Amino acid sequence: MVYDCIKEFWVDIVDGDGRTEKQDGMHIRKGSMWKVDNEAVNVMGTDIHLDELTGMNWLELSKEKLDNCFKVIECEESCKSNVTSCNHWNTDKCKVHK
């Protein structure tokens, strides 16, 4: 799944061990594009791990934050064949389901 950020926000910066680094945080820009990485280790214990398409940034967030701040712009083929089994998106917001 590929997502477009529709509402900017800030997140804490963490290292690969899940420890918060002492910085101001990372700004997630409106219009930035992110892809779900199901193979990544979830160091923060949140629902979803996203990798930014245009850089080296990664992000972990809750499904609620995903619903509020992102929209689907590209579904995986398996999702298209059975939208109701999608684990990452509320199907009433999925453009393929409409």
Protein backbone atom coordinates (compact mmCIF):
# COMPACT_ATOMS: atom_id res chain seq x y z
CA MET A 1 0.00 0.00 0.00
CA VAL A 2 1.21 3.50 -0.84
CA TYR A 3 -0.12 6.48 1.11
CA ASP A 4 -0.15 10.24 0.66
CA CYS A 5 0.10 12.38 3.81
CA ILE A 6 -2.94 14.69 3.86
CA LYS A 7 -2.35 16.29 7.28
CA GLU A 8 1.11 17.28 8.48
CA PHE A 9 2.29 16.30 11.96
CA TRP A 10 5.41 15.75 14.09
CA VAL A 11 6.77 12.48 15.50
CA ASP A 12 9.57 11.67 17.92
CA ILE A 13 12.81 10.51 16.34
CA VAL A 14 13.81 7.04 17.53
CA ASP A 15 16.84 4.87 16.88
CA GLY A 16 16.75 1.29 15.62
CA ASP A 17 16.32 0.04 19.20
CA GLY A 18 13.19 2.13 19.77
CA ARG A 19 14.84 4.72 22.03
CA THR A 20 13.73 8.33 21.60
CA GLU A 21 16.59 10.56 20.49
CA LYS A 22 17.01 13.97 22.07
CA GLN A 23 15.95 16.12 19.14
CA ASP A 24 12.93 18.23 18.25
CA GLY A 25 11.33 15.44 16.26
CA MET A 26 10.63 14.78 12.60
CA HIS A 27 8.16 16.81 10.57
CA ILE A 28 5.91 14.66 8.38
CA ARG A 29 5.02 16.93 5.47
CA LYS A 30 1.65 17.09 3.79
CA GLY A 31 2.10 15.60 0.32
CA SER A 32 4.89 13.22 1.34
CA MET A 33 4.43 9.66 0.08
CA TRP A 34 4.92 6.53 2.16
CA LYS A 35 4.79 2.76 1.59
CA VAL A 36 3.92 0.04 4.09
CA ASP A 37 6.88 -2.21 4.91
CA ASN A 38 5.52 -5.48 6.29
CA GLU A 39 9.03 -6.93 6.53
CA ALA A 40 10.41 -4.21 8.84
CA VAL A 41 10.98 -4.80 12.53
CA ASN A 42 8.45 -2.75 14.46
CA VAL A 43 10.73 -1.21 17.12
CA MET A 44 8.08 0.99 18.72
CA GLY A 45 5.29 -1.58 19.02
CA THR A 46 2.81 0.42 16.92
CA ASP A 47 0.44 -0.90 14.25
CA ILE A 48 2.05 0.13 10.95
CA HIS A 49 5.60 0.72 9.67
CA LEU A 50 5.93 3.14 6.73
CA ASP A 51 8.99 4.00 4.63
CA GLU A 52 9.13 7.35 2.84
CA LEU A 53 9.32 6.88 -0.94
CA THR A 54 11.62 9.84 -1.54
CA GLY A 55 14.16 9.32 1.23
CA MET A 56 15.60 7.26 4.02
CA ASN A 57 12.98 8.13 6.64
CA TRP A 58 10.75 5.59 8.27
CA LEU A 59 7.77 5.99 10.51
CA GLU A 60 5.71 3.80 12.81
CA LEU A 61 2.19 4.83 13.75
CA SER A 62 -1.23 3.65 14.86
CA LYS A 63 -4.06 2.74 12.49
CA GLU A 64 -5.95 5.73 13.92
CA LYS A 65 -3.14 8.13 12.92
CA LEU A 66 -3.01 6.47 9.50
CA ASP A 67 -6.76 7.03 9.04
CA ASN A 68 -6.54 10.68 10.12
CA CYS A 69 -3.38 11.78 8.33
CA PHE A 70 -3.05 9.62 5.18
CA LYS A 71 -5.03 8.47 2.17
CA VAL A 72 -4.43 5.43 -0.01
CA ILE A 73 -3.07 6.26 -3.44
CA GLU A 74 -2.06 2.76 -4.54
CA CYS A 75 -3.45 -0.58 -3.40
CA GLU A 76 -1.68 -3.90 -3.66
CA GLU A 77 -3.14 -6.35 -6.17
CA SER A 78 -4.16 -8.79 -3.41
CA CYS A 79 -6.17 -5.99 -1.80
CA LYS A 80 -8.00 -5.33 -5.07
CA SER A 81 -9.12 -8.94 -5.31
CA ASN A 82 -10.48 -9.06 -1.76
CA VAL A 83 -10.79 -5.59 -0.23
CA THR A 84 -12.56 -6.83 2.89
CA SER A 85 -9.43 -8.72 3.95
CA CYS A 86 -7.17 -5.66 3.85
CA ASN A 87 -5.25 -5.44 7.15
CA HIS A 88 -4.10 -1.84 6.74
CA TRP A 89 -7.04 0.20 5.63
CA ASN A 90 -10.62 0.89 6.57
CA THR A 91 -12.38 -0.38 3.44
CA ASP A 92 -14.96 2.43 3.38
CA LYS A 93 -12.06 4.83 2.64
CA CYS A 94 -10.35 2.65 0.04
CA LYS A 95 -10.63 4.10 -3.46
CA VAL A 96 -10.68 0.60 -4.97
CA HIS A 97 -13.68 -0.42 -2.87
CA LYS A 98 -15.88 2.50 -4.07
